[in-house]
Amino acid sequence: MKKLKSFYINQFIDYINRNKIFYLVSILLFLASMAVGYSLVSVEDIESISESSFNTIDDWDKPHRFLELFEHNFTIDLSCILGGITFSIYSLILNFINGVMVGYVLRLAPTTIFILGVVPHGIFEIPSSIVAFVGSLSVTKIEINLIKGVLQNGKTFKGELYNSRDLFKDVIISLMLVMLLLLIAGFIEAYITPDLLNWYIRHL
């Protein structure tokens, strides 16, 4: 059991080391897009929103919402990973839009509402988007390698397919991390976030 645990830990460490640059790019992209979203909010927009304008969340079917939230978010992140076949152009646009939305809400929402309503699940959901973009970059790198195998002299499709085995592994690990992060995020957003918001709104 200890050897198996050690094996998985080492695999994860190797995965992080292989993708350090990809993670840096993904994080910087998300931060830049958040800054854009943050800057889009005007003073008038902020003044039009107050904590008293928020209502309690009623008739909330937690198990159903959990499955719905997970399915929705996983579909987005899976499409981001698969978007690597577009040389990650689709994935870049998707993650940029996500970052803009987060930055917009961060600026617009009252601080306490944001802390209680977004942060608890956001600390898992945002990293899942970052991981998904890393996965898309791995897919793009596989695609480039395979194109080289077809077009470049001295290289073969089969040979580049074999040379890309770590990249295939990285895509799978990225997908597994996305699933884990979104399961946690979905549980928090469905079972915990509504209660936190309702408690706060009722005490305004």
N, C-alpha and C. Protein backbone atom coordinates (compact mmCIF):
# COMPACT_ATOMS: atom_id res chain seq x y z
N MET A 1 0.83 -1.21 0.00
CA MET A 1 0.00 0.00 0.00
C MET A 1 0.87 1.26 0.00
N LYS A 2 1.93 1.25 0.81
CA LYS A 2 2.83 2.39 0.88
C LYS A 2 3.55 2.59 -0.45
N LYS A 3 3.92 1.47 -1.09
CA LYS A 3 4.60 1.57 -2.39
C LYS A 3 3.66 2.15 -3.44
N LEU A 4 2.38 1.75 -3.39
CA LEU A 4 1.40 2.27 -4.34
C LEU A 4 1.18 3.76 -4.12
N LYS A 5 1.09 4.16 -2.85
CA LYS A 5 0.91 5.57 -2.51
C LYS A 5 2.11 6.38 -2.99
N SER A 6 3.31 5.83 -2.75
CA SER A 6 4.54 6.50 -3.17
C SER A 6 4.60 6.63 -4.69
N PHE A 7 4.11 5.60 -5.39
CA PHE A 7 4.10 5.61 -6.85
C PHE A 7 3.23 6.75 -7.37
N TYR A 8 2.02 6.88 -6.81
CA TYR A 8 1.11 7.93 -7.27
C TYR A 8 1.63 9.32 -6.93
N ILE A 9 2.25 9.46 -5.77
CA ILE A 9 2.83 10.75 -5.39
C ILE A 9 3.94 11.13 -6.36
N ASN A 10 4.79 10.16 -6.69
CA ASN A 10 5.89 10.42 -7.63
C ASN A 10 5.36 10.76 -9.02
N GLN A 11 4.29 10.07 -9.43
CA GLN A 11 3.68 10.37 -10.73
C GLN A 11 3.14 11.80 -10.77
N PHE A 12 2.54 12.22 -9.66
CA PHE A 12 1.99 13.57 -9.58
C PHE A 12 3.11 14.61 -9.60
N ILE A 13 4.18 14.35 -8.87
CA ILE A 13 5.32 15.27 -8.85
C ILE A 13 5.93 15.39 -10.24
N ASP A 14 6.08 14.25 -10.93
CA ASP A 14 6.61 14.27 -12.30
C ASP A 14 5.70 15.07 -13.22
N TYR A 15 4.40 14.90 -13.03
CA TYR A 15 3.41 15.63 -13.84
C TYR A 15 3.56 17.13 -13.64
N ILE A 16 3.69 17.56 -12.39
CA ILE A 16 3.85 19.00 -12.10
C ILE A 16 5.14 19.52 -12.71
N ASN A 17 6.22 18.77 -12.56
CA ASN A 17 7.52 19.20 -13.10
C ASN A 17 7.49 19.32 -14.63
N ARG A 18 6.79 18.38 -15.28
CA ARG A 18 6.71 18.43 -16.75
C ARG A 18 5.86 19.60 -17.24
N ASN A 19 4.96 20.06 -16.41
CA ASN A 19 3.98 21.07 -16.85
C ASN A 19 4.12 22.41 -16.14
N LYS A 20 5.28 22.68 -15.57
CA LYS A 20 5.48 23.94 -14.83
C LYS A 20 5.21 25.16 -15.72
N ILE A 21 5.73 25.12 -16.93
CA ILE A 21 5.54 26.25 -17.85
C ILE A 21 4.07 26.38 -18.24
N PHE A 22 3.44 25.24 -18.51
CA PHE A 22 2.02 25.27 -18.87
C PHE A 22 1.17 25.85 -17.73
N TYR A 23 1.50 25.47 -16.50
CA TYR A 23 0.75 25.99 -15.35
C TYR A 23 0.97 27.49 -15.19
N LEU A 24 2.21 27.93 -15.42
CA LEU A 24 2.51 29.36 -15.32
C LEU A 24 1.70 30.14 -16.36
N VAL A 25 1.68 29.64 -17.59
CA VAL A 25 0.92 30.29 -18.66
C VAL A 25 -0.57 30.33 -18.32
N SER A 26 -1.10 29.20 -17.83
CA SER A 26 -2.52 29.10 -17.51
C SER A 26 -2.91 30.06 -16.38
N ILE A 27 -2.09 30.14 -15.36
CA ILE A 27 -2.36 31.02 -14.22
C ILE A 27 -2.30 32.49 -14.65
N LEU A 28 -1.28 32.84 -15.42
CA LEU A 28 -1.14 34.23 -15.88
C LEU A 28 -2.31 34.63 -16.78
N LEU A 29 -2.75 33.70 -17.64
CA LEU A 29 -3.90 33.98 -18.50
C LEU A 29 -5.14 34.24 -17.66
N PHE A 30 -5.36 33.41 -16.65
CA PHE A 30 -6.55 33.57 -15.82
C PHE A 30 -6.50 34.88 -15.04
N LEU A 31 -5.34 35.21 -14.50
CA LEU A 31 -5.20 36.46 -13.75
C LEU A 31 -5.42 37.67 -14.66
N ALA A 32 -4.87 37.61 -15.87
CA ALA A 32 -5.03 38.71 -16.82
C ALA A 32 -6.50 38.89 -17.21
N SER A 33 -7.19 37.77 -17.45
CA SER A 33 -8.61 37.86 -17.82
C SER A 33 -9.46 38.34 -16.65
N MET A 34 -9.09 37.95 -15.42
CA MET A 34 -9.78 38.47 -14.24
C MET A 34 -9.63 39.98 -14.14
N ALA A 35 -8.42 40.46 -14.43
CA ALA A 35 -8.16 41.90 -14.37
C ALA A 35 -9.02 42.65 -15.40
N VAL A 36 -9.19 42.04 -16.57
CA VAL A 36 -10.05 42.65 -17.60
C VAL A 36 -11.49 42.72 -17.10
N GLY A 37 -11.99 41.61 -16.56
CA GLY A 37 -13.35 41.59 -16.03
C GLY A 37 -13.55 42.58 -14.90
N TYR A 38 -12.56 42.68 -14.04
CA TYR A 38 -12.61 43.61 -12.91
C TYR A 38 -12.71 45.05 -13.41
N SER A 39 -11.97 45.35 -14.48
CA SER A 39 -11.93 46.73 -15.00
C SER A 39 -13.20 47.11 -15.76
N LEU A 40 -14.00 46.12 -16.15
CA LEU A 40 -15.21 46.40 -16.94
C LEU A 40 -16.35 46.96 -16.09
N VAL A 41 -16.26 46.80 -14.78
CA VAL A 41 -17.34 47.24 -13.89
C VAL A 41 -17.21 48.74 -13.62
N SER A 42 -18.28 49.47 -13.86
CA SER A 42 -18.26 50.91 -13.61
C SER A 42 -18.71 51.22 -12.19
N VAL A 43 -18.46 52.44 -11.76
CA VAL A 43 -18.89 52.89 -10.43
C VAL A 43 -20.41 52.82 -10.33
N GLU A 44 -21.09 53.17 -11.41
CA GLU A 44 -22.56 53.13 -11.42
C GLU A 44 -23.07 51.70 -11.21
N ASP A 45 -22.37 50.73 -11.82
CA ASP A 45 -22.76 49.32 -11.64
C ASP A 45 -22.65 48.91 -10.18
N ILE A 46 -21.56 49.32 -9.54
CA ILE A 46 -21.32 48.96 -8.14
C ILE A 46 -22.37 49.60 -7.24
N GLU A 47 -22.68 50.87 -7.51
CA GLU A 47 -23.65 51.59 -6.67
C GLU A 47 -25.07 51.04 -6.82
N SER A 48 -25.33 50.37 -7.95
CA SER A 48 -26.67 49.83 -8.18
C SER A 48 -26.90 48.51 -7.45
N ILE A 49 -25.83 47.93 -6.91
CA ILE A 49 -25.93 46.64 -6.20
C ILE A 49 -25.74 46.87 -4.71
N SER A 50 -26.64 46.32 -3.93
CA SER A 50 -26.51 46.38 -2.47
C SER A 50 -26.84 45.01 -1.89
N GLU A 51 -26.39 44.75 -0.67
CA GLU A 51 -26.63 43.46 -0.04
C GLU A 51 -28.12 43.20 0.15
N SER A 52 -28.89 44.26 0.33
CA SER A 52 -30.33 44.10 0.56
C SER A 52 -31.07 43.63 -0.69
N SER A 53 -30.41 43.70 -1.85
CA SER A 53 -31.06 43.28 -3.10
C SER A 53 -30.99 41.78 -3.31
N PHE A 54 -30.29 41.07 -2.42
CA PHE A 54 -30.16 39.62 -2.53
C PHE A 54 -31.25 38.92 -1.71
N ASN A 55 -31.83 37.88 -2.28
CA ASN A 55 -32.88 37.11 -1.61
C ASN A 55 -32.35 35.74 -1.18
N THR A 56 -33.04 35.14 -0.23
CA THR A 56 -32.65 33.81 0.23
C THR A 56 -32.90 32.78 -0.88
N ILE A 57 -32.16 31.69 -0.81
CA ILE A 57 -32.29 30.61 -1.80
C ILE A 57 -33.24 29.56 -1.23
N ASP A 58 -34.42 29.44 -1.84
CA ASP A 58 -35.43 28.49 -1.37
C ASP A 58 -35.65 27.40 -2.42
N ASP A 59 -36.34 26.32 -2.00
CA ASP A 59 -36.65 25.21 -2.92
C ASP A 59 -35.40 24.73 -3.65
N TRP A 60 -34.37 24.47 -2.91
CA TRP A 60 -33.07 24.08 -3.46
C TRP A 60 -32.89 22.58 -3.27
N ASP A 61 -33.01 21.83 -4.35
CA ASP A 61 -32.83 20.37 -4.31
C ASP A 61 -31.34 20.08 -4.36
N LYS A 62 -30.73 19.87 -3.20
CA LYS A 62 -29.27 19.77 -3.13
C LYS A 62 -28.68 18.63 -3.96
N PRO A 63 -29.20 17.39 -3.85
CA PRO A 63 -28.62 16.31 -4.67
C PRO A 63 -28.72 16.59 -6.17
N HIS A 64 -29.88 17.10 -6.59
CA HIS A 64 -30.08 17.41 -8.01
C HIS A 64 -29.16 18.53 -8.46
N ARG A 65 -29.05 19.57 -7.64
CA ARG A 65 -28.19 20.70 -7.99
C ARG A 65 -26.72 20.30 -8.03
N PHE A 66 -26.34 19.40 -7.12
CA PHE A 66 -24.95 18.92 -7.11
C PHE A 66 -24.61 18.26 -8.44
N LEU A 67 -25.47 17.35 -8.88
CA LEU A 67 -25.24 16.65 -10.15
C LEU A 67 -25.28 17.62 -11.33
N GLU A 68 -26.20 18.56 -11.27
CA GLU A 68 -26.35 19.55 -12.34
C GLU A 68 -25.12 20.45 -12.44
N LEU A 69 -24.64 20.92 -11.29
CA LEU A 69 -23.47 21.79 -11.26
C LEU A 69 -22.22 21.05 -11.73
N PHE A 70 -22.06 19.81 -11.25
CA PHE A 70 -20.88 19.03 -11.66
C PHE A 70 -20.91 18.77 -13.16
N GLU A 71 -22.07 18.35 -13.67
CA GLU A 71 -22.18 18.05 -15.10
C GLU A 71 -21.90 19.29 -15.95
N HIS A 72 -22.45 20.43 -15.54
CA HIS A 72 -22.25 21.68 -16.28
C HIS A 72 -20.78 22.09 -16.31
N ASN A 73 -20.16 22.12 -15.13
CA ASN A 73 -18.77 22.56 -15.04
C ASN A 73 -17.81 21.57 -15.68
N PHE A 74 -18.10 20.27 -15.53
CA PHE A 74 -17.23 19.26 -16.12
C PHE A 74 -17.31 19.31 -17.65
N THR A 75 -18.49 19.56 -18.18
CA THR A 75 -18.64 19.68 -19.63
C THR A 75 -17.80 20.83 -20.17
N ILE A 76 -17.80 21.94 -19.44
CA ILE A 76 -17.01 23.11 -19.86
C ILE A 76 -15.52 22.79 -19.82
N ASP A 77 -15.05 22.21 -18.72
CA ASP A 77 -13.62 21.92 -18.59
C ASP A 77 -13.18 20.81 -19.54
N LEU A 78 -14.04 19.83 -19.78
CA LEU A 78 -13.71 18.77 -20.74
C LEU A 78 -13.59 19.35 -22.14
N SER A 79 -14.50 20.26 -22.49
CA SER A 79 -14.43 20.91 -23.80
C SER A 79 -13.17 21.76 -23.91
N CYS A 80 -12.73 22.31 -22.78
CA CYS A 80 -11.48 23.09 -22.76
C CYS A 80 -10.29 22.18 -23.07
N ILE A 81 -10.25 21.01 -22.43
CA ILE A 81 -9.15 20.07 -22.68
C ILE A 81 -9.16 19.60 -24.13
N LEU A 82 -10.33 19.18 -24.60
CA LEU A 82 -10.45 18.71 -25.99
C LEU A 82 -10.20 19.83 -26.99
N GLY A 83 -10.40 21.07 -26.53
CA GLY A 83 -10.14 22.22 -27.39
C GLY A 83 -8.68 22.37 -27.75
N GLY A 84 -7.84 21.55 -27.13
CA GLY A 84 -6.42 21.53 -27.49
C GLY A 84 -6.19 21.17 -28.95
N ILE A 85 -7.15 20.46 -29.56
CA ILE A 85 -7.00 20.09 -30.97
C ILE A 85 -7.14 21.30 -31.88
N THR A 86 -7.62 22.42 -31.35
CA THR A 86 -7.68 23.68 -32.12
C THR A 86 -6.42 24.50 -31.85
N PHE A 87 -5.36 23.81 -31.45
CA PHE A 87 -4.11 24.46 -31.02
C PHE A 87 -4.37 25.36 -29.82
N SER A 88 -5.36 24.95 -29.02
CA SER A 88 -5.75 25.60 -27.76
C SER A 88 -6.34 27.00 -27.94
N ILE A 89 -6.69 27.34 -29.18
CA ILE A 89 -7.32 28.65 -29.41
C ILE A 89 -8.70 28.70 -28.75
N TYR A 90 -9.50 27.65 -28.98
CA TYR A 90 -10.82 27.58 -28.34
C TYR A 90 -10.68 27.59 -26.83
N SER A 91 -9.71 26.83 -26.32
CA SER A 91 -9.50 26.72 -24.87
C SER A 91 -9.09 28.06 -24.27
N LEU A 92 -8.25 28.78 -25.00
CA LEU A 92 -7.81 30.10 -24.53
C LEU A 92 -8.99 31.05 -24.43
N ILE A 93 -9.84 31.06 -25.46
CA ILE A 93 -11.02 31.94 -25.46
C ILE A 93 -11.95 31.57 -24.31
N LEU A 94 -12.17 30.25 -24.12
CA LEU A 94 -13.06 29.78 -23.07
C LEU A 94 -12.56 30.19 -21.69
N ASN A 95 -11.26 29.98 -21.44
CA ASN A 95 -10.71 30.33 -20.13
C ASN A 95 -10.65 31.84 -19.93
N PHE A 96 -10.44 32.57 -21.02
CA PHE A 96 -10.44 34.03 -20.92
C PHE A 96 -11.81 34.53 -20.49
N ILE A 97 -12.85 33.98 -21.10
CA ILE A 97 -14.23 34.36 -20.75
C ILE A 97 -14.52 34.02 -19.29
N ASN A 98 -14.09 32.82 -18.85
CA ASN A 98 -14.30 32.42 -17.45
C ASN A 98 -13.61 33.39 -16.49
N GLY A 99 -12.38 33.76 -16.82
CA GLY A 99 -11.64 34.69 -15.97
C GLY A 99 -12.28 36.06 -15.92
N VAL A 100 -12.76 36.53 -17.07
CA VAL A 100 -13.45 37.83 -17.13
C VAL A 100 -14.69 37.81 -16.24
N MET A 101 -15.44 36.72 -16.28
CA MET A 101 -16.65 36.61 -15.46
C MET A 101 -16.32 36.63 -13.98
N VAL A 102 -15.25 35.92 -13.59
CA VAL A 102 -14.85 35.90 -12.18
C VAL A 102 -14.42 37.30 -11.73
N GLY A 103 -13.62 37.97 -12.56
CA GLY A 103 -13.18 39.32 -12.23
C GLY A 103 -14.33 40.30 -12.14
N TYR A 104 -15.31 40.14 -13.02
CA TYR A 104 -16.49 41.01 -13.03
C TYR A 104 -17.30 40.85 -11.75
N VAL A 105 -17.52 39.59 -11.36
CA VAL A 105 -18.29 39.31 -10.13
C VAL A 105 -17.51 39.77 -8.90
N LEU A 106 -16.20 39.57 -8.92
CA LEU A 106 -15.36 40.00 -7.80
C LEU A 106 -15.51 41.49 -7.55
N ARG A 107 -15.54 42.27 -8.61
CA ARG A 107 -15.66 43.72 -8.50
C ARG A 107 -17.08 44.17 -8.17
N LEU A 108 -18.07 43.48 -8.74
CA LEU A 108 -19.45 43.93 -8.64
C LEU A 108 -20.14 43.51 -7.34
N ALA A 109 -19.91 42.27 -6.92
CA ALA A 109 -20.63 41.73 -5.76
C ALA A 109 -20.14 42.36 -4.45
N PRO A 110 -21.04 42.60 -3.50
CA PRO A 110 -20.62 43.04 -2.17
C PRO A 110 -19.62 42.04 -1.59
N THR A 111 -18.65 42.54 -0.85
CA THR A 111 -17.54 41.70 -0.39
C THR A 111 -18.00 40.46 0.36
N THR A 112 -18.91 40.63 1.31
CA THR A 112 -19.35 39.48 2.12
C THR A 112 -20.10 38.47 1.27
N ILE A 113 -20.93 38.94 0.35
CA ILE A 113 -21.66 38.05 -0.55
C ILE A 113 -20.67 37.25 -1.40
N PHE A 114 -19.63 37.91 -1.88
CA PHE A 114 -18.62 37.22 -2.69
C PHE A 114 -17.88 36.18 -1.87
N ILE A 115 -17.51 36.55 -0.64
CA ILE A 115 -16.76 35.62 0.22
C ILE A 115 -17.59 34.39 0.55
N LEU A 116 -18.87 34.59 0.85
CA LEU A 116 -19.73 33.46 1.23
C LEU A 116 -20.31 32.72 0.03
N GLY A 117 -20.56 33.45 -1.05
CA GLY A 117 -21.26 32.85 -2.18
C GLY A 117 -20.39 32.34 -3.31
N VAL A 118 -19.13 32.79 -3.36
CA VAL A 118 -18.25 32.41 -4.47
C VAL A 118 -16.97 31.72 -4.00
N VAL A 119 -16.34 32.29 -2.99
CA VAL A 119 -15.04 31.79 -2.55
C VAL A 119 -15.04 30.31 -2.14
N PRO A 120 -16.01 29.84 -1.33
CA PRO A 120 -15.94 28.44 -0.86
C PRO A 120 -15.83 27.41 -1.97
N HIS A 121 -16.63 27.55 -3.03
CA HIS A 121 -16.51 26.60 -4.15
C HIS A 121 -15.53 27.10 -5.21
N GLY A 122 -15.33 28.42 -5.25
CA GLY A 122 -14.43 28.99 -6.25
C GLY A 122 -12.98 28.59 -6.07
N ILE A 123 -12.57 28.32 -4.81
CA ILE A 123 -11.17 27.93 -4.57
C ILE A 123 -10.88 26.54 -5.15
N PHE A 124 -11.90 25.82 -5.56
CA PHE A 124 -11.72 24.54 -6.24
C PHE A 124 -12.08 24.65 -7.72
N GLU A 125 -13.09 25.45 -8.02
CA GLU A 125 -13.57 25.57 -9.40
C GLU A 125 -12.59 26.33 -10.29
N ILE A 126 -12.00 27.38 -9.76
CA ILE A 126 -11.03 28.16 -10.54
C ILE A 126 -9.78 27.33 -10.85
N PRO A 127 -9.19 26.63 -9.86
CA PRO A 127 -8.05 25.76 -10.19
C PRO A 127 -8.40 24.69 -11.23
N SER A 128 -9.65 24.21 -11.22
CA SER A 128 -10.03 23.20 -12.22
C SER A 128 -9.96 23.79 -13.63
N SER A 129 -10.31 25.07 -13.78
CA SER A 129 -10.20 25.73 -15.08
C SER A 129 -8.75 25.87 -15.50
N ILE A 130 -7.90 26.18 -14.53
CA ILE A 130 -6.46 26.30 -14.80
C ILE A 130 -5.88 24.96 -15.22
N VAL A 131 -6.26 23.90 -14.51
CA VAL A 131 -5.79 22.55 -14.85
C VAL A 131 -6.30 22.13 -16.23
N ALA A 132 -7.56 22.46 -16.53
CA ALA A 132 -8.14 22.10 -17.83
C ALA A 132 -7.36 22.75 -18.97
N PHE A 133 -6.94 24.00 -18.78
CA PHE A 133 -6.17 24.66 -19.84
C PHE A 133 -4.80 24.01 -19.99
N VAL A 134 -4.22 23.58 -18.89
CA VAL A 134 -2.95 22.84 -18.95
C VAL A 134 -3.15 21.56 -19.76
N GLY A 135 -4.27 20.87 -19.51
CA GLY A 135 -4.58 19.67 -20.28
C GLY A 135 -4.72 19.96 -21.76
N SER A 136 -5.33 21.10 -22.09
CA SER A 136 -5.50 21.46 -23.51
C SER A 136 -4.15 21.72 -24.17
N LEU A 137 -3.22 22.33 -23.44
CA LEU A 137 -1.89 22.58 -23.98
C LEU A 137 -1.14 21.27 -24.22
N SER A 138 -1.38 20.27 -23.36
CA SER A 138 -0.78 18.95 -23.57
C SER A 138 -1.34 18.31 -24.84
N VAL A 139 -2.66 18.46 -25.05
CA VAL A 139 -3.28 17.94 -26.28
C VAL A 139 -2.68 18.62 -27.50
N THR A 140 -2.49 19.93 -27.42
CA THR A 140 -1.89 20.67 -28.53
C THR A 140 -0.48 20.19 -28.83
N LYS A 141 0.29 19.93 -27.77
CA LYS A 141 1.66 19.46 -27.96
C LYS A 141 1.68 18.08 -28.61
N ILE A 142 0.73 17.21 -28.22
CA ILE A 142 0.61 15.90 -28.88
C ILE A 142 0.31 16.10 -30.36
N GLU A 143 -0.62 17.00 -30.65
CA GLU A 143 -1.02 17.27 -32.03
C GLU A 143 0.17 17.74 -32.87
N ILE A 144 0.96 18.65 -32.30
CA ILE A 144 2.13 19.17 -33.01
C ILE A 144 3.14 18.06 -33.25
N ASN A 145 3.37 17.22 -32.25
CA ASN A 145 4.30 16.10 -32.40
C ASN A 145 3.86 15.16 -33.52
N LEU A 146 2.57 14.87 -33.57
CA LEU A 146 2.06 13.95 -34.59
C LEU A 146 2.14 14.57 -35.99
N ILE A 147 1.92 15.87 -36.08
CA ILE A 147 2.07 16.56 -37.37
C ILE A 147 3.52 16.49 -37.83
N LYS A 148 4.45 16.69 -36.90
CA LYS A 148 5.87 16.57 -37.22
C LYS A 148 6.19 15.16 -37.71
N GLY A 149 5.56 14.16 -37.07
CA GLY A 149 5.81 12.78 -37.47
C GLY A 149 5.39 12.50 -38.90
N VAL A 150 4.38 13.22 -39.37
CA VAL A 150 3.89 13.04 -40.74
C VAL A 150 4.70 13.86 -41.74
N LEU A 151 5.07 15.08 -41.36
CA LEU A 151 5.65 16.02 -42.31
C LEU A 151 7.17 16.07 -42.32
N GLN A 152 7.80 15.81 -41.19
CA GLN A 152 9.25 15.98 -41.11
C GLN A 152 9.99 14.70 -41.50
N ASN A 153 11.08 14.89 -42.24
CA ASN A 153 11.92 13.76 -42.58
C ASN A 153 12.62 13.23 -41.34
N GLY A 154 12.77 11.93 -41.27
CA GLY A 154 13.44 11.32 -40.13
C GLY A 154 12.54 11.07 -38.95
N LYS A 155 11.27 11.47 -39.08
CA LYS A 155 10.30 11.23 -38.01
C LYS A 155 9.10 10.47 -38.57
N THR A 156 8.50 9.66 -37.72
CA THR A 156 7.32 8.90 -38.14
C THR A 156 6.16 9.18 -37.19
N PHE A 157 4.96 8.98 -37.71
CA PHE A 157 3.76 9.16 -36.89
C PHE A 157 3.80 8.23 -35.68
N LYS A 158 4.16 6.97 -35.93
CA LYS A 158 4.22 5.99 -34.85
C LYS A 158 5.28 6.36 -33.82
N GLY A 159 6.42 6.84 -34.32
CA GLY A 159 7.49 7.23 -33.41
C GLY A 159 7.11 8.40 -32.53
N GLU A 160 6.45 9.40 -33.12
CA GLU A 160 6.03 10.57 -32.35
C GLU A 160 4.88 10.23 -31.40
N LEU A 161 4.07 9.26 -31.80
CA LEU A 161 3.00 8.79 -30.92
C LEU A 161 3.61 8.17 -29.66
N TYR A 162 4.68 7.40 -29.86
CA TYR A 162 5.38 6.78 -28.73
C TYR A 162 6.07 7.85 -27.88
N ASN A 163 6.69 8.81 -28.54
CA ASN A 163 7.40 9.87 -27.81
C ASN A 163 6.45 10.78 -27.01
N SER A 164 5.17 10.73 -27.37
CA SER A 164 4.18 11.58 -26.70
C SER A 164 3.48 10.86 -25.54
N ARG A 165 3.99 9.70 -25.15
CA ARG A 165 3.29 8.91 -24.12
C ARG A 165 3.15 9.66 -22.80
N ASP A 166 4.16 10.45 -22.41
CA ASP A 166 4.04 11.24 -21.18
C ASP A 166 2.97 12.33 -21.31
N LEU A 167 2.83 12.85 -22.52
CA LEU A 167 1.81 13.87 -22.76
C LEU A 167 0.41 13.29 -22.64
N PHE A 168 0.23 12.07 -23.17
CA PHE A 168 -1.06 11.40 -23.01
C PHE A 168 -1.36 11.18 -21.52
N LYS A 169 -0.32 10.80 -20.80
CA LYS A 169 -0.47 10.60 -19.35
C LYS A 169 -0.86 11.91 -18.67
N ASP A 170 -0.25 13.00 -19.12
CA ASP A 170 -0.55 14.32 -18.53
C ASP A 170 -1.99 14.73 -18.79
N VAL A 171 -2.51 14.41 -19.97
CA VAL A 171 -3.91 14.73 -20.28
C VAL A 171 -4.84 13.97 -19.34
N ILE A 172 -4.54 12.69 -19.11
CA ILE A 172 -5.36 11.87 -18.22
C ILE A 172 -5.30 12.38 -16.79
N ILE A 173 -4.10 12.73 -16.32
CA ILE A 173 -3.95 13.25 -14.96
C ILE A 173 -4.70 14.58 -14.82
N SER A 174 -4.58 15.44 -15.83
CA SER A 174 -5.30 16.72 -15.80
C SER A 174 -6.80 16.49 -15.71
N LEU A 175 -7.29 15.53 -16.48
CA LEU A 175 -8.72 15.22 -16.48
C LEU A 175 -9.17 14.70 -15.12
N MET A 176 -8.35 13.85 -14.50
CA MET A 176 -8.68 13.31 -13.17
C MET A 176 -8.68 14.42 -12.12
N LEU A 177 -7.71 15.33 -12.21
CA LEU A 177 -7.66 16.46 -11.27
C LEU A 177 -8.89 17.35 -11.43
N VAL A 178 -9.27 17.60 -12.67
CA VAL A 178 -10.47 18.41 -12.94
C VAL A 178 -11.70 17.77 -12.31
N MET A 179 -11.85 16.46 -12.50
CA MET A 179 -13.00 15.75 -11.93
C MET A 179 -13.02 15.87 -10.41
N LEU A 180 -11.86 15.66 -9.78
CA LEU A 180 -11.77 15.73 -8.32
C LEU A 180 -12.12 17.13 -7.81
N LEU A 181 -11.53 18.14 -8.42
CA LEU A 181 -11.77 19.52 -8.00
C LEU A 181 -13.23 19.92 -8.19
N LEU A 182 -13.83 19.47 -9.29
CA LEU A 182 -15.23 19.84 -9.56
C LEU A 182 -16.21 19.07 -8.69
N LEU A 183 -15.86 17.86 -8.30
CA LEU A 183 -16.71 17.13 -7.35
C LEU A 183 -16.76 17.87 -6.01
N ILE A 184 -15.60 18.34 -5.56
CA ILE A 184 -15.54 19.09 -4.30
C ILE A 184 -16.28 20.42 -4.45
N ALA A 185 -16.01 21.13 -5.56
CA ALA A 185 -16.65 22.42 -5.80
C ALA A 185 -18.16 22.28 -5.89
N GLY A 186 -18.62 21.25 -6.60
CA GLY A 186 -20.05 21.03 -6.76
C GLY A 186 -20.73 20.72 -5.45
N PHE A 187 -20.07 19.91 -4.61
CA PHE A 187 -20.63 19.58 -3.30
C PHE A 187 -20.77 20.83 -2.44
N ILE A 188 -19.72 21.65 -2.42
CA ILE A 188 -19.76 22.88 -1.61
C ILE A 188 -20.83 23.84 -2.13
N GLU A 189 -20.89 24.01 -3.47
CA GLU A 189 -21.85 24.96 -4.04
C GLU A 189 -23.29 24.50 -3.85
N ALA A 190 -23.51 23.19 -3.84
CA ALA A 190 -24.88 22.67 -3.70
C ALA A 190 -25.31 22.54 -2.25
N TYR A 191 -24.39 22.11 -1.38
CA TYR A 191 -24.77 21.77 -0.01
C TYR A 191 -24.40 22.83 1.04
N ILE A 192 -23.40 23.64 0.76
CA ILE A 192 -22.90 24.56 1.79
C ILE A 192 -23.16 26.03 1.44
N THR A 193 -22.84 26.43 0.21
CA THR A 193 -22.99 27.83 -0.19
C THR A 193 -24.39 28.39 0.05
N PRO A 194 -25.47 27.68 -0.34
CA PRO A 194 -26.82 28.24 -0.11
C PRO A 194 -27.11 28.50 1.36
N ASP A 195 -26.66 27.60 2.24
CA ASP A 195 -26.90 27.78 3.68
C ASP A 195 -26.12 28.98 4.21
N LEU A 196 -24.89 29.16 3.73
CA LEU A 196 -24.10 30.32 4.15
C LEU A 196 -24.77 31.62 3.72
N LEU A 197 -25.21 31.67 2.47
CA LEU A 197 -25.85 32.89 1.96
C LEU A 197 -27.18 33.15 2.66
N ASN A 198 -27.97 32.11 2.86
CA ASN A 198 -29.26 32.28 3.55
C ASN A 198 -29.07 32.78 4.97
N TRP A 199 -28.09 32.22 5.66
CA TRP A 199 -27.80 32.66 7.03
C TRP A 199 -27.43 34.14 7.05
N TYR A 200 -26.59 34.56 6.12
CA TYR A 200 -26.15 35.96 6.10
C TYR A 200 -27.29 36.90 5.70
N ILE A 201 -28.03 36.54 4.66
CA ILE A 201 -29.11 37.41 4.17
C ILE A 201 -30.20 37.59 5.22
N ARG A 202 -30.50 36.53 5.96
CA ARG A 202 -31.55 36.62 7.00
C ARG A 202 -31.11 37.49 8.17
N HIS A 203 -29.81 37.68 8.33
CA HIS A 203 -29.32 38.49 9.44
C HIS A 203 -28.95 39.91 9.03
N LEU A 204 -29.29 40.29 7.79
CA LEU A 204 -29.02 41.66 7.35
C LEU A 204 -29.93 42.65 8.08
